């Protein structure tokens, strides 16, 4: 059995920065206090929506420490510890564990793209999992990294007792199905894209790590419940309703800037993106407002 149950919806929490680009852990704790009151399975800090690549190691540790203060025991707390080198990923995973992370989410290295073979990935993740004091989740996000962690590699890695699952941020349902069918039942695959979340659950995903869950946690959790209950027509209708906001906050349109803008509209204060990212343009704000207007009780 897996040491944790990841079934449900987890929110990939953005990292707050002030107007000068400084890390703001006070804002982070305040926002998390509200998120923990919502029906979310858990929280992912320092992922791609957390602008993790923009932080140095000391800042990363401050984020983990602040989040641990705000997230109660019993709510899954996952920290992104992916780095380009195996050594750095191990060090980050150990520090995150020391600071209270329940598990770590390790993105694929991608700078040396042509050399990132299945054997390289297996060696990298095996070393991280051997050294990590807490369970490891693989993280595949080809659109950002330019590399693909193929089912053949995942099938081998899923045999490691300390590798308990993965986040697959691609929308290829065939690949997601292969990931689920090629791994043991204890290995939990989490979807990372809202537009294909219902379909991903249908082929065996345990849940999802979804950007819109930061803004619309109740709706995303309801989609999971409807799909699990076999209430297909209602689940599909809700997924269609979530599509516009998912494209604005989780996709390639406005990305992190769109997520932070949507959260501001919804009453959360998570500051600005860190340069070179810039705030979402006015056109985005109007589109986000229209998308959120389809839901009741957005501001909590």
C-alpha atoms as a PDB file:
ATOM      1  CA  UNK A   1       0.000   0.000   0.000  1.00  0.00           C
ATOM      2  CA  UNK A   2       1.031   3.565  -0.672  1.00  0.00           C
ATOM      3  CA  UNK A   3       1.954   5.552   2.447  1.00  0.00           C
ATOM      4  CA  UNK A   4      -0.494   8.248   1.377  1.00  0.00           C
ATOM      5  CA  UNK A   5      -3.798   8.425  -0.431  1.00  0.00           C
ATOM      6  CA  UNK A   6      -3.669  11.056  -3.165  1.00  0.00           C
ATOM      7  CA  UNK A   7      -7.222  10.513  -4.390  1.00  0.00           C
ATOM      8  CA  UNK A   8      -8.928  13.831  -5.032  1.00  0.00           C
ATOM      9  CA  UNK A   9      -7.808  17.285  -6.067  1.00  0.00           C
ATOM     10  CA  UNK A  10      -4.622  18.995  -4.931  1.00  0.00           C
ATOM     11  CA  UNK A  11      -3.917  22.684  -5.488  1.00  0.00           C
ATOM     12  CA  UNK A  12      -0.569  23.844  -6.956  1.00  0.00           C
ATOM     13  CA  UNK A  13      -0.009  26.875  -4.755  1.00  0.00           C
ATOM     14  CA  UNK A  14       1.545  30.036  -6.256  1.00  0.00           C
ATOM     15  CA  UNK A  15       4.445  31.689  -4.470  1.00  0.00           C
ATOM     16  CA  UNK A  16       3.656  35.281  -3.414  1.00  0.00           C
ATOM     17  CA  UNK A  17       6.096  38.055  -4.302  1.00  0.00           C
ATOM     18  CA  UNK A  18       5.677  41.717  -3.453  1.00  0.00           C
ATOM     19  CA  UNK A  19       5.876  44.609  -5.920  1.00  0.00           C
ATOM     20  CA  UNK A  20       9.677  44.612  -5.656  1.00  0.00           C
ATOM     21  CA  UNK A  21       9.913  40.893  -6.382  1.00  0.00           C
ATOM     22  CA  UNK A  22      10.751  39.896  -2.802  1.00  0.00           C
ATOM     23  CA  UNK A  23       9.373  36.628  -1.418  1.00  0.00           C
ATOM     24  CA  UNK A  24       6.385  37.262   0.868  1.00  0.00           C
ATOM     25  CA  UNK A  25       5.794  34.351   3.246  1.00  0.00           C
ATOM     26  CA  UNK A  26       3.243  36.350   5.270  1.00  0.00           C
ATOM     27  CA  UNK A  27       0.975  36.456   2.228  1.00  0.00           C
ATOM     28  CA  UNK A  28       1.583  32.748   1.661  1.00  0.00           C
ATOM     29  CA  UNK A  29       0.533  31.744   5.172  1.00  0.00           C
ATOM     30  CA  UNK A  30      -2.567  33.960   5.004  1.00  0.00           C
ATOM     31  CA  UNK A  31      -3.682  32.472   1.685  1.00  0.00           C
ATOM     32  CA  UNK A  32      -3.029  28.921   2.841  1.00  0.00           C
ATOM     33  CA  UNK A  33      -5.155  29.490   5.928  1.00  0.00           C
ATOM     34  CA  UNK A  34      -8.089  30.002   3.565  1.00  0.00           C
ATOM     35  CA  UNK A  35      -7.186  27.161   1.201  1.00  0.00           C
ATOM     36  CA  UNK A  36      -7.055  24.610   4.012  1.00  0.00           C
ATOM     37  CA  UNK A  37     -10.716  25.384   4.707  1.00  0.00           C
ATOM     38  CA  UNK A  38     -11.670  24.155   1.233  1.00  0.00           C
ATOM     39  CA  UNK A  39     -12.356  20.515   0.195  1.00  0.00           C
ATOM     40  CA  UNK A  40      -8.876  19.891  -1.214  1.00  0.00           C
ATOM     41  CA  UNK A  41      -6.933  16.657  -0.718  1.00  0.00           C
ATOM     42  CA  UNK A  42      -3.674  18.540  -0.377  1.00  0.00           C
ATOM     43  CA  UNK A  43      -1.294  21.214  -1.554  1.00  0.00           C
ATOM     44  CA  UNK A  44       1.735  21.324  -3.820  1.00  0.00           C
ATOM     45  CA  UNK A  45       4.302  24.027  -3.090  1.00  0.00           C
ATOM     46  CA  UNK A  46       7.193  24.976  -5.384  1.00  0.00           C
ATOM     47  CA  UNK A  47       5.810  23.437  -8.540  1.00  0.00           C
ATOM     48  CA  UNK A  48       5.652  25.168 -11.906  1.00  0.00           C
ATOM     49  CA  UNK A  49       2.726  27.343 -10.752  1.00  0.00           C
ATOM     50  CA  UNK A  50       4.834  28.119  -7.688  1.00  0.00           C
ATOM     51  CA  UNK A  51       7.502  29.710  -9.923  1.00  0.00           C
ATOM     52  CA  UNK A  52       9.990  27.331  -8.326  1.00  0.00           C
ATOM     53  CA  UNK A  53      12.672  27.974 -10.946  1.00  0.00           C
ATOM     54  CA  UNK A  54      12.632  31.653  -9.933  1.00  0.00           C
ATOM     55  CA  UNK A  55      13.683  30.969  -6.328  1.00  0.00           C
ATOM     56  CA  UNK A  56      17.078  30.340  -4.831  1.00  0.00           C
ATOM     57  CA  UNK A  57      17.583  27.510  -2.344  1.00  0.00           C
ATOM     58  CA  UNK A  58      17.217  29.680   0.765  1.00  0.00           C
ATOM     59  CA  UNK A  59      13.952  31.144  -0.539  1.00  0.00           C
ATOM     60  CA  UNK A  60      12.704  27.657  -1.383  1.00  0.00           C
ATOM     61  CA  UNK A  61      13.324  26.532   2.184  1.00  0.00           C
ATOM     62  CA  UNK A  62      11.499  29.593   3.533  1.00  0.00           C
ATOM     63  CA  UNK A  63       8.457  28.726   1.408  1.00  0.00           C
ATOM     64  CA  UNK A  64       8.418  25.154   2.719  1.00  0.00           C
ATOM     65  CA  UNK A  65       8.777  26.254   6.338  1.00  0.00           C
ATOM     66  CA  UNK A  66       6.000  28.856   6.032  1.00  0.00           C
ATOM     67  CA  UNK A  67       3.655  26.442   4.293  1.00  0.00           C
ATOM     68  CA  UNK A  68       4.220  23.753   6.909  1.00  0.00           C
ATOM     69  CA  UNK A  69       3.107  26.225   9.594  1.00  0.00           C
ATOM     70  CA  UNK A  70      -0.188  26.812   7.781  1.00  0.00           C
ATOM     71  CA  UNK A  71      -1.030  23.297   6.557  1.00  0.00           C
ATOM     72  CA  UNK A  72      -2.383  21.046   9.318  1.00  0.00           C
ATOM     73  CA  UNK A  73      -1.241  17.482   9.803  1.00  0.00           C
ATOM     74  CA  UNK A  74      -3.415  15.098   7.848  1.00  0.00           C
ATOM     75  CA  UNK A  75      -3.591  17.302   4.752  1.00  0.00           C
ATOM     76  CA  UNK A  76      -1.125  16.168   2.132  1.00  0.00           C
ATOM     77  CA  UNK A  77       1.791  18.575   1.761  1.00  0.00           C
ATOM     78  CA  UNK A  78       3.958  17.998  -1.322  1.00  0.00           C
ATOM     79  CA  UNK A  79       7.032  20.049  -2.244  1.00  0.00           C
ATOM     80  CA  UNK A  80       8.597  20.377  -5.674  1.00  0.00           C
ATOM     81  CA  UNK A  81      12.289  19.492  -5.477  1.00  0.00           C
ATOM     82  CA  UNK A  82      13.195  19.000  -9.115  1.00  0.00           C
ATOM     83  CA  UNK A  83      16.625  20.289 -10.100  1.00  0.00           C
ATOM     84  CA  UNK A  84      18.809  19.851 -13.162  1.00  0.00           C
ATOM     85  CA  UNK A  85      21.393  17.764 -11.305  1.00  0.00           C
ATOM     86  CA  UNK A  86      20.695  14.586  -9.391  1.00  0.00           C
ATOM     87  CA  UNK A  87      22.824  15.856  -6.511  1.00  0.00           C
ATOM     88  CA  UNK A  88      20.829  19.077  -6.180  1.00  0.00           C
ATOM     89  CA  UNK A  89      17.505  17.221  -6.378  1.00  0.00           C
ATOM     90  CA  UNK A  90      18.628  14.922  -3.569  1.00  0.00           C
ATOM     91  CA  UNK A  91      19.717  17.853  -1.414  1.00  0.00           C
ATOM     92  CA  UNK A  92      16.451  19.711  -2.045  1.00  0.00           C
ATOM     93  CA  UNK A  93      14.414  16.605  -1.229  1.00  0.00           C
ATOM     94  CA  UNK A  94      16.262  16.066   2.041  1.00  0.00           C
ATOM     95  CA  UNK A  95      15.766  19.696   3.067  1.00  0.00           C
ATOM     96  CA  UNK A  96      12.069  19.590   2.186  1.00  0.00           C
ATOM     97  CA  UNK A  97      11.660  16.435   4.282  1.00  0.00           C
ATOM     98  CA  UNK A  98      13.477  18.063   7.207  1.00  0.00           C
ATOM     99  CA  UNK A  99      11.110  21.039   6.938  1.00  0.00           C
ATOM    100  CA  UNK A 100       8.014  18.852   7.105  1.00  0.00           C
ATOM    101  CA  UNK A 101       7.072  17.835   3.562  1.00  0.00           C
ATOM    102  CA  UNK A 102       5.001  14.657   3.330  1.00  0.00           C
ATOM    103  CA  UNK A 103       6.342  13.873  -0.144  1.00  0.00           C
ATOM    104  CA  UNK A 104       8.387  15.480  -2.917  1.00  0.00           C
ATOM    105  CA  UNK A 105       7.464  16.078  -6.552  1.00  0.00           C
ATOM    106  CA  UNK A 106      10.520  15.862  -8.797  1.00  0.00           C
ATOM    107  CA  UNK A 107      10.283  17.257 -12.319  1.00  0.00           C
ATOM    108  CA  UNK A 108      12.365  15.804 -15.092  1.00  0.00           C
ATOM    109  CA  UNK A 109      15.692  17.508 -15.775  1.00  0.00           C
ATOM    110  CA  UNK A 110      15.476  18.996 -19.242  1.00  0.00           C
ATOM    111  CA  UNK A 111      18.346  21.342 -20.043  1.00  0.00           C
ATOM    112  CA  UNK A 112      20.373  18.663 -21.841  1.00  0.00           C
ATOM    113  CA  UNK A 113      17.302  17.451 -23.703  1.00  0.00           C
ATOM    114  CA  UNK A 114      18.882  15.102 -26.227  1.00  0.00           C
ATOM    115  CA  UNK A 115      20.671  13.182 -23.485  1.00  0.00           C
ATOM    116  CA  UNK A 116      17.595  12.625 -21.339  1.00  0.00           C
ATOM    117  CA  UNK A 117      17.006   8.971 -22.240  1.00  0.00           C
ATOM    118  CA  UNK A 118      14.914   6.421 -20.389  1.00  0.00           C
ATOM    119  CA  UNK A 119      18.059   4.994 -18.780  1.00  0.00           C
ATOM    120  CA  UNK A 120      19.165   8.460 -17.642  1.00  0.00           C
ATOM    121  CA  UNK A 121      15.775   9.167 -16.101  1.00  0.00           C
ATOM    122  CA  UNK A 122      15.700   5.783 -14.352  1.00  0.00           C
ATOM    123  CA  UNK A 123      19.158   6.368 -12.903  1.00  0.00           C
ATOM    124  CA  UNK A 124      18.289   9.939 -11.823  1.00  0.00           C
ATOM    125  CA  UNK A 125      15.007   9.109 -10.101  1.00  0.00           C
ATOM    126  CA  UNK A 126      16.328   5.934  -8.514  1.00  0.00           C
ATOM    127  CA  UNK A 127      19.138   7.907  -6.880  1.00  0.00           C
ATOM    128  CA  UNK A 128      16.707  10.565  -5.629  1.00  0.00           C
ATOM    129  CA  UNK A 129      14.273   7.954  -4.288  1.00  0.00           C
ATOM    130  CA  UNK A 130      17.085   6.029  -2.595  1.00  0.00           C
ATOM    131  CA  UNK A 131      18.174   9.188  -0.753  1.00  0.00           C
ATOM    132  CA  UNK A 132      14.859  10.897  -0.033  1.00  0.00           C
ATOM    133  CA  UNK A 133      13.501  10.466   3.509  1.00  0.00           C
ATOM    134  CA  UNK A 134       9.943  10.942   2.186  1.00  0.00           C
ATOM    135  CA  UNK A 135       8.069   9.396  -0.764  1.00  0.00           C
ATOM    136  CA  UNK A 136       8.842  10.633  -4.271  1.00  0.00           C
ATOM    137  CA  UNK A 137       6.431  11.516  -7.060  1.00  0.00           C
ATOM    138  CA  UNK A 138       7.681  11.797 -10.628  1.00  0.00           C
ATOM    139  CA  UNK A 139       6.707  14.953 -12.532  1.00  0.00           C
ATOM    140  CA  UNK A 140       6.369  15.016 -16.309  1.00  0.00           C
ATOM    141  CA  UNK A 141       5.621  18.375 -17.944  1.00  0.00           C
ATOM    142  CA  UNK A 142       6.828  18.087 -21.521  1.00  0.00           C
ATOM    143  CA  UNK A 143       5.389  21.460 -22.580  1.00  0.00           C
ATOM    144  CA  UNK A 144       7.785  23.205 -20.173  1.00  0.00           C
ATOM    145  CA  UNK A 145      10.791  20.890 -20.024  1.00  0.00           C
ATOM    146  CA  UNK A 146      10.865  19.705 -23.620  1.00  0.00           C
ATOM    147  CA  UNK A 147      11.412  16.095 -22.553  1.00  0.00           C
ATOM    148  CA  UNK A 148       8.947  13.255 -22.062  1.00  0.00           C
ATOM    149  CA  UNK A 149       9.105  10.734 -19.234  1.00  0.00           C
ATOM    150  CA  UNK A 150       7.811   7.761 -21.184  1.00  0.00           C
ATOM    151  CA  UNK A 151       5.675   4.932 -19.783  1.00  0.00           C
ATOM    152  CA  UNK A 152       8.609   2.541 -20.235  1.00  0.00           C
ATOM    153  CA  UNK A 153      10.684   4.564 -17.764  1.00  0.00           C
ATOM    154  CA  UNK A 154       7.777   5.038 -15.374  1.00  0.00           C
ATOM    155  CA  UNK A 155       7.028   1.314 -15.362  1.00  0.00           C
ATOM    156  CA  UNK A 156      10.582   0.586 -14.224  1.00  0.00           C
ATOM    157  CA  UNK A 157      10.599   3.370 -11.645  1.00  0.00           C
ATOM    158  CA  UNK A 158       7.239   2.345 -10.182  1.00  0.00           C
ATOM    159  CA  UNK A 159       8.945  -0.781  -8.854  1.00  0.00           C
ATOM    160  CA  UNK A 160      10.933   1.391  -6.418  1.00  0.00           C
ATOM    161  CA  UNK A 161       9.271   1.257  -2.982  1.00  0.00           C
ATOM    162  CA  UNK A 162       9.851   4.976  -2.364  1.00  0.00           C
ATOM    163  CA  UNK A 163       8.381   6.146  -5.691  1.00  0.00           C
ATOM    164  CA  UNK A 164       4.649   6.277  -5.027  1.00  0.00           C
ATOM    165  CA  UNK A 165       3.174   8.104  -7.994  1.00  0.00           C
ATOM    166  CA  UNK A 166       3.526  10.833 -10.569  1.00  0.00           C
ATOM    167  CA  UNK A 167       2.002  13.998 -11.954  1.00  0.00           C
ATOM    168  CA  UNK A 168       1.446  13.829 -15.707  1.00  0.00           C
ATOM    169  CA  UNK A 169       0.828  17.338 -17.043  1.00  0.00           C
ATOM    170  CA  UNK A 170       0.278  16.306 -20.643  1.00  0.00           C
ATOM    171  CA  UNK A 171      -3.207  15.829 -22.012  1.00  0.00           C
ATOM    172  CA  UNK A 172      -2.448  12.667 -24.010  1.00  0.00           C
ATOM    173  CA  UNK A 173      -5.032  10.240 -22.661  1.00  0.00           C
ATOM    174  CA  UNK A 174      -3.370   7.308 -24.406  1.00  0.00           C
ATOM    175  CA  UNK A 175      -0.107   7.991 -22.573  1.00  0.00           C
ATOM    176  CA  UNK A 176      -1.955   8.489 -19.288  1.00  0.00           C
ATOM    177  CA  UNK A 177      -3.729   5.166 -19.808  1.00  0.00           C
ATOM    178  CA  UNK A 178      -0.375   3.486 -20.478  1.00  0.00           C
ATOM    179  CA  UNK A 179       1.063   5.038 -17.298  1.00  0.00           C
ATOM    180  CA  UNK A 180      -1.810   3.657 -15.225  1.00  0.00           C
ATOM    181  CA  UNK A 181      -1.896   0.203 -16.812  1.00  0.00           C
ATOM    182  CA  UNK A 182       1.899  -0.210 -16.740  1.00  0.00           C
ATOM    183  CA  UNK A 183       2.318   0.459 -13.020  1.00  0.00           C
ATOM    184  CA  UNK A 184       1.204  -1.336  -9.824  1.00  0.00           C
ATOM    185  CA  UNK A 185      -2.054  -0.400  -8.107  1.00  0.00           C
ATOM    186  CA  UNK A 186      -0.162   1.296  -5.263  1.00  0.00           C
ATOM    187  CA  UNK A 187       1.384   3.747  -7.780  1.00  0.00           C
ATOM    188  CA  UNK A 188      -0.938   6.750  -8.105  1.00  0.00           C
ATOM    189  CA  UNK A 189      -1.056   8.788 -11.315  1.00  0.00           C
ATOM    190  CA  UNK A 190      -2.280  12.368 -10.956  1.00  0.00           C
ATOM    191  CA  UNK A 191      -3.515  14.403 -13.902  1.00  0.00           C
ATOM    192  CA  UNK A 192      -2.136  17.902 -14.342  1.00  0.00           C
ATOM    193  CA  UNK A 193      -4.505  19.335 -16.934  1.00  0.00           C
ATOM    194  CA  UNK A 194      -8.091  20.325 -16.214  1.00  0.00           C
ATOM    195  CA  UNK A 195      -9.462  19.988 -19.797  1.00  0.00           C
ATOM    196  CA  UNK A 196      -8.736  16.238 -19.731  1.00  0.00           C
ATOM    197  CA  UNK A 197      -9.286  15.631 -15.999  1.00  0.00           C
ATOM    198  CA  UNK A 198     -12.572  13.751 -16.425  1.00  0.00           C
ATOM    199  CA  UNK A 199     -11.063  11.523 -19.113  1.00  0.00           C
ATOM    200  CA  UNK A 200      -7.937  10.936 -17.017  1.00  0.00           C
ATOM    201  CA  UNK A 201     -10.063   9.769 -14.099  1.00  0.00           C
ATOM    202  CA  UNK A 202     -11.858   7.453 -16.499  1.00  0.00           C
ATOM    203  CA  UNK A 203      -8.611   5.650 -17.396  1.00  0.00           C
ATOM    204  CA  UNK A 204      -7.574   5.245 -13.777  1.00  0.00           C
ATOM    205  CA  UNK A 205      -5.945   8.432 -12.472  1.00  0.00           C
ATOM    206  CA  UNK A 206      -6.216   8.773  -8.707  1.00  0.00           C
ATOM    207  CA  UNK A 207      -6.839  12.507  -8.867  1.00  0.00           C
ATOM    208  CA  UNK A 208      -5.317  15.718 -10.122  1.00  0.00           C
ATOM    209  CA  UNK A 209      -3.055  18.647  -9.373  1.00  0.00           C
ATOM    210  CA  UNK A 210      -5.009  21.404 -11.093  1.00  0.00           C
ATOM    211  CA  UNK A 211      -4.297  25.141 -11.297  1.00  0.00           C
ATOM    212  CA  UNK A 212      -8.016  26.090 -11.283  1.00  0.00           C
ATOM    213  CA  UNK A 213      -8.287  24.323  -7.909  1.00  0.00           C
ATOM    214  CA  UNK A 214      -6.554  27.354  -6.392  1.00  0.00           C
ATOM    215  CA  UNK A 215      -9.354  29.635  -7.627  1.00  0.00           C
ATOM    216  CA  UNK A 216     -12.319  27.242  -7.728  1.00  0.00           C
ATOM    217  CA  UNK A 217     -11.491  24.501  -5.204  1.00  0.00           C
ATOM    218  CA  UNK A 218     -15.098  23.532  -4.570  1.00  0.00           C
ATOM    219  CA  UNK A 219     -15.916  23.137  -8.268  1.00  0.00           C
ATOM    220  CA  UNK A 220     -12.789  21.071  -8.963  1.00  0.00           C
ATOM    221  CA  UNK A 221     -13.456  18.833  -5.970  1.00  0.00           C
ATOM    222  CA  UNK A 222     -17.061  18.431  -7.107  1.00  0.00           C
ATOM    223  CA  UNK A 223     -15.893  17.368 -10.579  1.00  0.00           C
ATOM    224  CA  UNK A 224     -13.795  14.638  -8.956  1.00  0.00           C
ATOM    225  CA  UNK A 225     -16.714  13.456  -6.824  1.00  0.00           C
ATOM    226  CA  UNK A 226     -19.147  13.391  -9.758  1.00  0.00           C
ATOM    227  CA  UNK A 227     -16.721  11.441 -11.941  1.00  0.00           C
ATOM    228  CA  UNK A 228     -16.014   8.924  -9.173  1.00  0.00           C
ATOM    229  CA  UNK A 229     -19.753   8.494  -8.566  1.00  0.00           C
ATOM    230  CA  UNK A 230     -20.403   7.728 -12.230  1.00  0.00           C
ATOM    231  CA  UNK A 231     -22.553  10.831 -12.669  1.00  0.00           C
ATOM    232  CA  UNK A 232     -21.119  11.329 -16.124  1.00  0.00           C
ATOM    233  CA  UNK A 233     -23.497  13.915 -17.575  1.00  0.00           C
ATOM    234  CA  UNK A 234     -23.061  16.208 -14.565  1.00  0.00           C
ATOM    235  CA  UNK A 235     -19.300  15.704 -14.525  1.00  0.00           C
ATOM    236  CA  UNK A 236     -18.972  16.525 -18.226  1.00  0.00           C
ATOM    237  CA  UNK A 237     -21.138  19.607 -17.850  1.00  0.00           C
ATOM    238  CA  UNK A 238     -18.979  20.854 -14.971  1.00  0.00           C
ATOM    239  CA  UNK A 239     -15.773  20.137 -16.873  1.00  0.00           C
ATOM    240  CA  UNK A 240     -17.085  22.175 -19.822  1.00  0.00           C
ATOM    241  CA  UNK A 241     -17.863  24.998 -17.401  1.00  0.00           C
ATOM    242  CA  UNK A 242     -14.273  24.859 -16.094  1.00  0.00           C
ATOM    243  CA  UNK A 243     -12.647  24.921 -19.545  1.00  0.00           C
ATOM    244  CA  UNK A 244     -12.511  28.725 -20.034  1.00  0.00           C
ATOM    245  CA  UNK A 245     -10.863  29.414 -16.673  1.00  0.00           C
ATOM    246  CA  UNK A 246      -8.494  26.447 -17.077  1.00  0.00           C
ATOM    247  CA  UNK A 247      -7.193  27.890 -20.346  1.00  0.00           C
ATOM    248  CA  UNK A 248      -6.615  31.272 -18.723  1.00  0.00           C
ATOM    249  CA  UNK A 249      -4.889  30.175 -15.505  1.00  0.00           C
ATOM    250  CA  UNK A 250      -3.375  26.774 -16.140  1.00  0.00           C
ATOM    251  CA  UNK A 251      -2.470  26.704 -19.784  1.00  0.00           C
ATOM    252  CA  UNK A 252      -0.109  28.486 -22.100  1.00  0.00           C
ATOM    253  CA  UNK A 253      -2.286  31.587 -22.525  1.00  0.00           C
ATOM    254  CA  UNK A 254      -1.378  33.561 -19.399  1.00  0.00           C
ATOM    255  CA  UNK A 255       0.115  30.886 -17.134  1.00  0.00           C
ATOM    256  CA  UNK A 256       1.237  31.957 -13.680  1.00  0.00           C
ATOM    257  CA  UNK A 257       0.300  35.584 -14.332  1.00  0.00           C
ATOM    258  CA  UNK A 258      -3.234  34.489 -15.184  1.00  0.00           C
ATOM    259  CA  UNK A 259      -3.462  32.375 -12.045  1.00  0.00           C
ATOM    260  CA  UNK A 260      -2.327  35.221  -9.814  1.00  0.00           C
ATOM    261  CA  UNK A 261      -4.725  37.627 -11.526  1.00  0.00           C
ATOM    262  CA  UNK A 262      -7.625  35.206 -11.081  1.00  0.00           C
ATOM    263  CA  UNK A 263      -6.783  34.773  -7.413  1.00  0.00           C
ATOM    264  CA  UNK A 264      -6.739  38.527  -6.897  1.00  0.00           C
ATOM    265  CA  UNK A 265     -10.183  38.764  -8.485  1.00  0.00           C
ATOM    266  CA  UNK A 266     -11.352  35.922  -6.221  1.00  0.00           C
ATOM    267  CA  UNK A 267     -10.129  37.782  -3.137  1.00  0.00           C
ATOM    268  CA  UNK A 268      -6.755  36.090  -2.534  1.00  0.00           C
ATOM    269  CA  UNK A 269      -3.638  38.204  -2.122  1.00  0.00           C
ATOM    270  CA  UNK A 270      -0.728  36.324  -3.673  1.00  0.00           C
ATOM    271  CA  UNK A 271       1.143  39.299  -5.074  1.00  0.00           C
ATOM    272  CA  UNK A 272       2.825  39.575  -8.444  1.00  0.00           C
ATOM    273  CA  UNK A 273       4.752  37.201 -10.685  1.00  0.00           C
ATOM    274  CA  UNK A 274       8.528  37.509 -10.412  1.00  0.00           C
ATOM    275  CA  UNK A 275      10.405  39.074 -13.315  1.00  0.00           C
ATOM    276  CA  UNK A 276      10.915  38.284 -16.128  1.00  0.00           C
ATOM    277  CA  UNK A 277       7.262  37.202 -15.824  1.00  0.00           C
ATOM    278  CA  UNK A 278       4.909  40.187 -15.884  1.00  0.00           C
ATOM    279  CA  UNK A 279       1.355  40.647 -14.604  1.00  0.00           C
ATOM    280  CA  UNK A 280      -1.507  39.618 -16.848  1.00  0.00           C
ATOM    281  CA  UNK A 281      -2.704  42.320 -19.269  1.00  0.00           C
ATOM    282  CA  UNK A 282      -6.051  44.081 -18.944  1.00  0.00           C
ATOM    283  CA  UNK A 283      -7.557  41.889 -21.677  1.00  0.00           C
ATOM    284  CA  UNK A 284      -6.805  38.854 -19.550  1.00  0.00           C
ATOM    285  CA  UNK A 285      -8.512  40.345 -16.505  1.00  0.00           C
ATOM    286  CA  UNK A 286     -11.757  40.834 -18.427  1.00  0.00           C
ATOM    287  CA  UNK A 287     -11.654  37.277 -19.759  1.00  0.00           C
ATOM    288  CA  UNK A 288     -10.905  35.882 -16.290  1.00  0.00           C
ATOM    289  CA  UNK A 289     -13.790  37.823 -14.753  1.00  0.00           C
ATOM    290  CA  UNK A 290     -16.150  36.458 -17.424  1.00  0.00           C
ATOM    291  CA  UNK A 291     -14.949  32.900 -16.811  1.00  0.00           C
ATOM    292  CA  UNK A 292     -15.291  33.189 -13.027  1.00  0.00           C
ATOM    293  CA  UNK A 293     -18.740  34.745 -13.364  1.00  0.00           C
ATOM    294  CA  UNK A 294     -20.010  31.313 -14.444  1.00  0.00           C
ATOM    295  CA  UNK A 295     -19.522  30.123 -10.871  1.00  0.00           C
ATOM    296  CA  UNK A 296     -21.319  31.178  -7.731  1.00  0.00           C
ATOM    297  CA  UNK A 297     -19.553  32.106  -4.513  1.00  0.00           C
ATOM    298  CA  UNK A 298     -16.087  32.506  -6.003  1.00  0.00           C
ATOM    299  CA  UNK A 299     -15.027  34.949  -3.312  1.00  0.00           C
ATOM    300  CA  UNK A 300     -14.840  33.177   0.061  1.00  0.00           C
END
